[in-house]
Amino acid sequence: MGRETVGSANQGRLHVGVRTEGASEILTPAGELDHHTAELLREPLEAAVARGRTRLVVDCSQLEFCDSTGLNVLLGARLKAEESGGVVHLAAMRPAVARVFEITGAGVVFEIHDSLEAALGG
């Protein structure tokens, strides 16, 4: 599998790394995903779909916080990916982030994996 670094964005409280590995576009948000930082994740997610990437993997292992705005970004990306025949996988969620998905019930609409490796292998 080849790896290609696509880019990254940073705004103090959130950094988003983006790379391609095989058929997957991997986005790694690190920090806090909220009203003030959501665009930093929304933009690369939408750009990946616009480039025809249909397998998006969000590596949540470095995501410390996610509020409803962040959740909406991920839900919106899922809808856009599905319109193009794609899917969004979420990997390695920390307990605080996983709790948001449990409380809202949003976890049932995503492919959720315990690790990035599992998400890439699926």
N, C-alpha and C. Protein backbone atom coordinates (compact mmCIF):
# COMPACT_ATOMS: atom_id res chain seq x y z
N MET A 1 0.84 -1.18 0.00
CA MET A 1 0.00 0.00 0.00
C MET A 1 0.88 1.24 0.00
N GLY A 2 0.60 2.14 -0.89
CA GLY A 2 1.35 3.38 -0.92
C GLY A 2 0.79 4.42 0.01
N ARG A 3 1.65 5.26 0.52
CA ARG A 3 1.21 6.36 1.38
C ARG A 3 1.49 7.67 0.69
N GLU A 4 0.55 8.56 0.76
CA GLU A 4 0.72 9.88 0.17
C GLU A 4 0.18 10.89 1.17
N THR A 5 0.99 11.85 1.54
CA THR A 5 0.53 12.89 2.43
C THR A 5 -0.17 13.95 1.61
N VAL A 6 -1.39 14.28 1.99
CA VAL A 6 -2.18 15.25 1.25
C VAL A 6 -2.04 16.62 1.87
N GLY A 7 -2.01 16.73 3.18
CA GLY A 7 -1.87 18.04 3.81
C GLY A 7 -2.32 18.03 5.24
N SER A 8 -2.41 19.23 5.79
CA SER A 8 -2.87 19.38 7.16
C SER A 8 -3.35 20.80 7.38
N ALA A 9 -4.15 20.96 8.41
CA ALA A 9 -4.64 22.28 8.80
C ALA A 9 -4.47 22.40 10.31
N ASN A 10 -4.31 23.62 10.79
CA ASN A 10 -4.05 23.82 12.20
C ASN A 10 -4.64 25.15 12.66
N GLN A 11 -5.37 25.12 13.77
CA GLN A 11 -5.88 26.35 14.37
C GLN A 11 -5.81 26.22 15.89
N GLY A 12 -4.59 26.20 16.41
CA GLY A 12 -4.42 26.17 17.85
C GLY A 12 -4.95 24.93 18.52
N ARG A 13 -6.27 24.86 18.71
CA ARG A 13 -6.86 23.76 19.47
C ARG A 13 -7.13 22.52 18.64
N LEU A 14 -7.04 22.61 17.31
CA LEU A 14 -7.27 21.44 16.47
C LEU A 14 -6.29 21.44 15.31
N HIS A 15 -5.69 20.31 15.11
CA HIS A 15 -4.82 20.06 13.95
C HIS A 15 -5.41 18.87 13.22
N VAL A 16 -5.51 18.95 11.89
CA VAL A 16 -6.05 17.84 11.11
C VAL A 16 -5.00 17.41 10.09
N GLY A 17 -4.52 16.21 10.27
CA GLY A 17 -3.60 15.62 9.30
C GLY A 17 -4.40 14.85 8.27
N VAL A 18 -3.95 14.89 7.03
CA VAL A 18 -4.64 14.18 5.95
C VAL A 18 -3.61 13.43 5.14
N ARG A 19 -3.88 12.14 4.91
CA ARG A 19 -3.00 11.35 4.06
C ARG A 19 -3.80 10.27 3.36
N THR A 20 -3.23 9.76 2.30
CA THR A 20 -3.85 8.67 1.56
C THR A 20 -3.03 7.42 1.79
N GLU A 21 -3.71 6.34 2.09
CA GLU A 21 -3.05 5.04 2.25
C GLU A 21 -3.89 4.01 1.51
N GLY A 22 -3.38 3.53 0.41
CA GLY A 22 -4.15 2.59 -0.41
C GLY A 22 -5.42 3.25 -0.90
N ALA A 23 -6.55 2.59 -0.65
CA ALA A 23 -7.84 3.11 -1.09
C ALA A 23 -8.46 4.07 -0.10
N SER A 24 -7.79 4.30 1.02
CA SER A 24 -8.38 5.12 2.09
C SER A 24 -7.77 6.51 2.17
N GLU A 25 -8.63 7.49 2.39
CA GLU A 25 -8.21 8.84 2.74
C GLU A 25 -8.31 8.89 4.26
N ILE A 26 -7.20 9.12 4.93
CA ILE A 26 -7.16 9.10 6.40
C ILE A 26 -7.06 10.53 6.91
N LEU A 27 -8.01 10.91 7.74
CA LEU A 27 -8.01 12.22 8.37
C LEU A 27 -7.81 12.01 9.86
N THR A 28 -6.85 12.75 10.42
CA THR A 28 -6.53 12.58 11.84
C THR A 28 -6.68 13.91 12.55
N PRO A 29 -7.87 14.16 13.12
CA PRO A 29 -8.03 15.37 13.92
C PRO A 29 -7.38 15.18 15.30
N ALA A 30 -6.61 16.16 15.73
CA ALA A 30 -5.95 16.09 17.03
C ALA A 30 -6.31 17.34 17.82
N GLY A 31 -6.92 17.14 18.98
CA GLY A 31 -7.31 18.27 19.82
C GLY A 31 -8.81 18.29 20.04
N GLU A 32 -9.38 19.50 19.95
CA GLU A 32 -10.80 19.71 20.26
C GLU A 32 -11.58 20.06 19.00
N LEU A 33 -12.60 19.26 18.71
CA LEU A 33 -13.47 19.49 17.57
C LEU A 33 -14.76 20.11 18.08
N ASP A 34 -14.92 21.42 17.81
CA ASP A 34 -16.09 22.13 18.31
C ASP A 34 -16.49 23.23 17.33
N HIS A 35 -17.38 24.11 17.77
CA HIS A 35 -17.90 25.18 16.93
C HIS A 35 -16.78 26.02 16.31
N HIS A 36 -15.74 26.26 17.06
CA HIS A 36 -14.65 27.13 16.60
C HIS A 36 -13.68 26.44 15.66
N THR A 37 -13.61 25.12 15.69
CA THR A 37 -12.61 24.40 14.90
C THR A 37 -13.20 23.46 13.85
N ALA A 38 -14.50 23.34 13.80
CA ALA A 38 -15.16 22.34 12.94
C ALA A 38 -14.79 22.49 11.46
N GLU A 39 -14.62 23.71 10.98
CA GLU A 39 -14.29 23.91 9.57
C GLU A 39 -12.96 23.26 9.20
N LEU A 40 -12.05 23.16 10.16
CA LEU A 40 -10.76 22.54 9.89
C LEU A 40 -10.89 21.06 9.53
N LEU A 41 -11.96 20.42 9.98
CA LEU A 41 -12.22 19.04 9.59
C LEU A 41 -13.20 18.97 8.43
N ARG A 42 -14.18 19.86 8.41
CA ARG A 42 -15.17 19.84 7.33
C ARG A 42 -14.51 20.01 5.96
N GLU A 43 -13.61 20.97 5.86
CA GLU A 43 -12.99 21.27 4.56
C GLU A 43 -12.24 20.08 3.97
N PRO A 44 -11.33 19.41 4.71
CA PRO A 44 -10.65 18.26 4.09
C PRO A 44 -11.57 17.07 3.85
N LEU A 45 -12.60 16.89 4.67
CA LEU A 45 -13.56 15.82 4.42
C LEU A 45 -14.29 16.06 3.10
N GLU A 46 -14.79 17.28 2.92
CA GLU A 46 -15.50 17.61 1.69
C GLU A 46 -14.58 17.58 0.48
N ALA A 47 -13.33 18.01 0.66
CA ALA A 47 -12.36 17.97 -0.44
C ALA A 47 -12.07 16.53 -0.86
N ALA A 48 -11.99 15.63 0.10
CA ALA A 48 -11.73 14.22 -0.21
C ALA A 48 -12.86 13.64 -1.04
N VAL A 49 -14.09 13.94 -0.65
CA VAL A 49 -15.26 13.46 -1.41
C VAL A 49 -15.25 14.09 -2.80
N ALA A 50 -14.94 15.37 -2.89
CA ALA A 50 -14.91 16.06 -4.19
C ALA A 50 -13.84 15.47 -5.11
N ARG A 51 -12.75 14.94 -4.53
CA ARG A 51 -11.70 14.31 -5.33
C ARG A 51 -12.06 12.88 -5.70
N GLY A 52 -13.24 12.42 -5.28
CA GLY A 52 -13.67 11.07 -5.63
C GLY A 52 -13.23 10.00 -4.66
N ARG A 53 -12.72 10.40 -3.51
CA ARG A 53 -12.34 9.41 -2.49
C ARG A 53 -13.62 8.88 -1.85
N THR A 54 -13.83 7.58 -1.90
CA THR A 54 -15.07 7.02 -1.37
C THR A 54 -14.86 6.26 -0.07
N ARG A 55 -13.63 6.10 0.36
CA ARG A 55 -13.36 5.42 1.63
C ARG A 55 -12.62 6.38 2.54
N LEU A 56 -13.37 7.00 3.44
CA LEU A 56 -12.81 7.98 4.36
C LEU A 56 -12.67 7.33 5.73
N VAL A 57 -11.50 7.49 6.32
CA VAL A 57 -11.24 6.96 7.65
C VAL A 57 -10.84 8.14 8.53
N VAL A 58 -11.60 8.36 9.59
CA VAL A 58 -11.27 9.40 10.56
C VAL A 58 -10.64 8.72 11.76
N ASP A 59 -9.35 8.96 11.93
CA ASP A 59 -8.59 8.40 13.04
C ASP A 59 -8.82 9.31 14.24
N CYS A 60 -9.63 8.87 15.17
CA CYS A 60 -10.03 9.69 16.33
C CYS A 60 -9.11 9.50 17.53
N SER A 61 -8.00 8.82 17.36
CA SER A 61 -7.14 8.48 18.50
C SER A 61 -6.56 9.71 19.19
N GLN A 62 -6.47 10.84 18.50
CA GLN A 62 -5.91 12.05 19.09
C GLN A 62 -6.98 13.12 19.34
N LEU A 63 -8.24 12.75 19.11
CA LEU A 63 -9.34 13.69 19.31
C LEU A 63 -9.75 13.65 20.78
N GLU A 64 -9.58 14.78 21.45
CA GLU A 64 -9.83 14.85 22.89
C GLU A 64 -11.26 15.24 23.22
N PHE A 65 -11.93 15.95 22.30
CA PHE A 65 -13.27 16.47 22.58
C PHE A 65 -14.02 16.61 21.26
N CYS A 66 -15.31 16.34 21.29
CA CYS A 66 -16.16 16.54 20.12
C CYS A 66 -17.53 16.99 20.61
N ASP A 67 -17.98 18.17 20.16
CA ASP A 67 -19.31 18.64 20.54
C ASP A 67 -20.29 18.38 19.40
N SER A 68 -21.49 18.94 19.51
CA SER A 68 -22.52 18.68 18.50
C SER A 68 -22.14 19.23 17.13
N THR A 69 -21.39 20.31 17.08
CA THR A 69 -20.95 20.86 15.79
C THR A 69 -20.00 19.88 15.12
N GLY A 70 -19.08 19.33 15.88
CA GLY A 70 -18.17 18.32 15.34
C GLY A 70 -18.90 17.09 14.86
N LEU A 71 -19.87 16.66 15.65
CA LEU A 71 -20.69 15.51 15.26
C LEU A 71 -21.41 15.79 13.95
N ASN A 72 -21.94 17.00 13.81
CA ASN A 72 -22.64 17.37 12.57
C ASN A 72 -21.71 17.37 11.37
N VAL A 73 -20.46 17.77 11.56
CA VAL A 73 -19.47 17.72 10.48
C VAL A 73 -19.30 16.28 10.01
N LEU A 74 -19.16 15.37 10.95
CA LEU A 74 -18.97 13.96 10.60
C LEU A 74 -20.23 13.37 9.95
N LEU A 75 -21.39 13.74 10.46
CA LEU A 75 -22.64 13.26 9.86
C LEU A 75 -22.81 13.80 8.44
N GLY A 76 -22.47 15.06 8.24
CA GLY A 76 -22.55 15.66 6.91
C GLY A 76 -21.60 14.98 5.94
N ALA A 77 -20.40 14.67 6.39
CA ALA A 77 -19.43 13.98 5.55
C ALA A 77 -19.93 12.59 5.19
N ARG A 78 -20.57 11.93 6.14
CA ARG A 78 -21.12 10.60 5.87
C ARG A 78 -22.17 10.68 4.77
N LEU A 79 -23.05 11.65 4.85
CA LEU A 79 -24.09 11.80 3.82
C LEU A 79 -23.49 12.07 2.45
N LYS A 80 -22.51 12.97 2.38
CA LYS A 80 -21.88 13.29 1.09
C LYS A 80 -21.13 12.08 0.54
N ALA A 81 -20.45 11.36 1.41
CA ALA A 81 -19.73 10.17 0.97
C ALA A 81 -20.71 9.12 0.43
N GLU A 82 -21.81 8.91 1.14
CA GLU A 82 -22.79 7.91 0.71
C GLU A 82 -23.44 8.29 -0.62
N GLU A 83 -23.64 9.59 -0.86
CA GLU A 83 -24.19 10.03 -2.14
C GLU A 83 -23.26 9.64 -3.29
N SER A 84 -21.98 9.52 -3.00
CA SER A 84 -20.99 9.16 -4.02
C SER A 84 -20.63 7.67 -3.96
N GLY A 85 -21.40 6.91 -3.19
CA GLY A 85 -21.13 5.48 -3.08
C GLY A 85 -20.04 5.14 -2.09
N GLY A 86 -19.72 6.08 -1.21
CA GLY A 86 -18.64 5.88 -0.25
C GLY A 86 -19.12 5.63 1.16
N VAL A 87 -18.16 5.57 2.06
CA VAL A 87 -18.44 5.30 3.46
C VAL A 87 -17.42 6.03 4.33
N VAL A 88 -17.84 6.38 5.54
CA VAL A 88 -16.95 7.01 6.52
C VAL A 88 -16.75 6.02 7.66
N HIS A 89 -15.48 5.73 7.94
CA HIS A 89 -15.12 4.85 9.05
C HIS A 89 -14.54 5.73 10.15
N LEU A 90 -14.90 5.43 11.40
CA LEU A 90 -14.33 6.12 12.55
C LEU A 90 -13.49 5.11 13.31
N ALA A 91 -12.28 5.53 13.70
CA ALA A 91 -11.37 4.59 14.34
C ALA A 91 -10.81 5.15 15.64
N ALA A 92 -10.64 4.26 16.60
CA ALA A 92 -9.89 4.53 17.83
C ALA A 92 -10.43 5.72 18.63
N MET A 93 -11.74 5.74 18.84
CA MET A 93 -12.32 6.84 19.61
C MET A 93 -11.97 6.74 21.08
N ARG A 94 -11.57 7.84 21.66
CA ARG A 94 -11.36 7.93 23.10
C ARG A 94 -12.72 7.89 23.79
N PRO A 95 -12.77 7.49 25.05
CA PRO A 95 -14.05 7.37 25.75
C PRO A 95 -14.91 8.64 25.74
N ALA A 96 -14.30 9.81 25.91
CA ALA A 96 -15.08 11.05 25.94
C ALA A 96 -15.75 11.32 24.60
N VAL A 97 -15.07 11.00 23.52
CA VAL A 97 -15.63 11.20 22.18
C VAL A 97 -16.66 10.11 21.89
N ALA A 98 -16.36 8.88 22.24
CA ALA A 98 -17.30 7.78 22.02
C ALA A 98 -18.62 8.04 22.74
N ARG A 99 -18.54 8.67 23.89
CA ARG A 99 -19.74 8.96 24.69
C ARG A 99 -20.72 9.85 23.92
N VAL A 100 -20.21 10.82 23.16
CA VAL A 100 -21.07 11.70 22.36
C VAL A 100 -21.86 10.87 21.35
N PHE A 101 -21.20 9.90 20.74
CA PHE A 101 -21.86 9.04 19.76
C PHE A 101 -22.87 8.12 20.43
N GLU A 102 -22.57 7.66 21.63
CA GLU A 102 -23.50 6.81 22.38
C GLU A 102 -24.74 7.58 22.80
N ILE A 103 -24.54 8.77 23.35
CA ILE A 103 -25.66 9.58 23.85
C ILE A 103 -26.62 9.96 22.72
N THR A 104 -26.05 10.33 21.57
CA THR A 104 -26.88 10.81 20.45
C THR A 104 -27.40 9.68 19.58
N GLY A 105 -26.84 8.50 19.70
CA GLY A 105 -27.23 7.40 18.84
C GLY A 105 -26.56 7.45 17.47
N ALA A 106 -25.67 8.41 17.26
CA ALA A 106 -25.03 8.58 15.95
C ALA A 106 -24.08 7.43 15.62
N GLY A 107 -23.65 6.70 16.61
CA GLY A 107 -22.73 5.61 16.36
C GLY A 107 -23.27 4.54 15.43
N VAL A 108 -24.58 4.40 15.36
CA VAL A 108 -25.15 3.34 14.53
C VAL A 108 -25.07 3.63 13.04
N VAL A 109 -24.80 4.87 12.65
CA VAL A 109 -24.76 5.20 11.22
C VAL A 109 -23.33 5.23 10.66
N PHE A 110 -22.34 4.96 11.50
CA PHE A 110 -20.95 4.93 11.07
C PHE A 110 -20.39 3.53 11.19
N GLU A 111 -19.36 3.26 10.42
CA GLU A 111 -18.54 2.07 10.60
C GLU A 111 -17.53 2.46 11.68
N ILE A 112 -17.62 1.87 12.87
CA ILE A 112 -16.74 2.22 13.98
C ILE A 112 -15.80 1.06 14.28
N HIS A 113 -14.52 1.38 14.41
CA HIS A 113 -13.47 0.38 14.63
C HIS A 113 -12.67 0.74 15.88
N ASP A 114 -12.17 -0.28 16.54
CA ASP A 114 -11.37 -0.06 17.75
C ASP A 114 -10.01 0.56 17.46
N SER A 115 -9.49 0.36 16.26
CA SER A 115 -8.16 0.87 15.93
C SER A 115 -8.11 1.33 14.48
N LEU A 116 -7.11 2.12 14.16
CA LEU A 116 -6.90 2.54 12.79
C LEU A 116 -6.59 1.34 11.91
N GLU A 117 -5.80 0.42 12.42
CA GLU A 117 -5.45 -0.76 11.66
C GLU A 117 -6.70 -1.55 11.27
N ALA A 118 -7.63 -1.69 12.21
CA ALA A 118 -8.89 -2.41 11.91
C ALA A 118 -9.70 -1.68 10.85
N ALA A 119 -9.72 -0.35 10.93
CA ALA A 119 -10.47 0.44 9.95
C ALA A 119 -9.86 0.31 8.56
N LEU A 120 -8.56 0.26 8.48
CA LEU A 120 -7.90 0.15 7.19
C LEU A 120 -8.01 -1.26 6.61
N GLY A 121 -8.14 -2.23 7.50
CA GLY A 121 -8.23 -3.61 7.04
C GLY A 121 -9.62 -4.04 6.63
N GLY A 122 -10.62 -3.23 7.00
CA GLY A 122 -12.02 -3.62 6.76
C GLY A 122 -12.55 -3.22 5.42
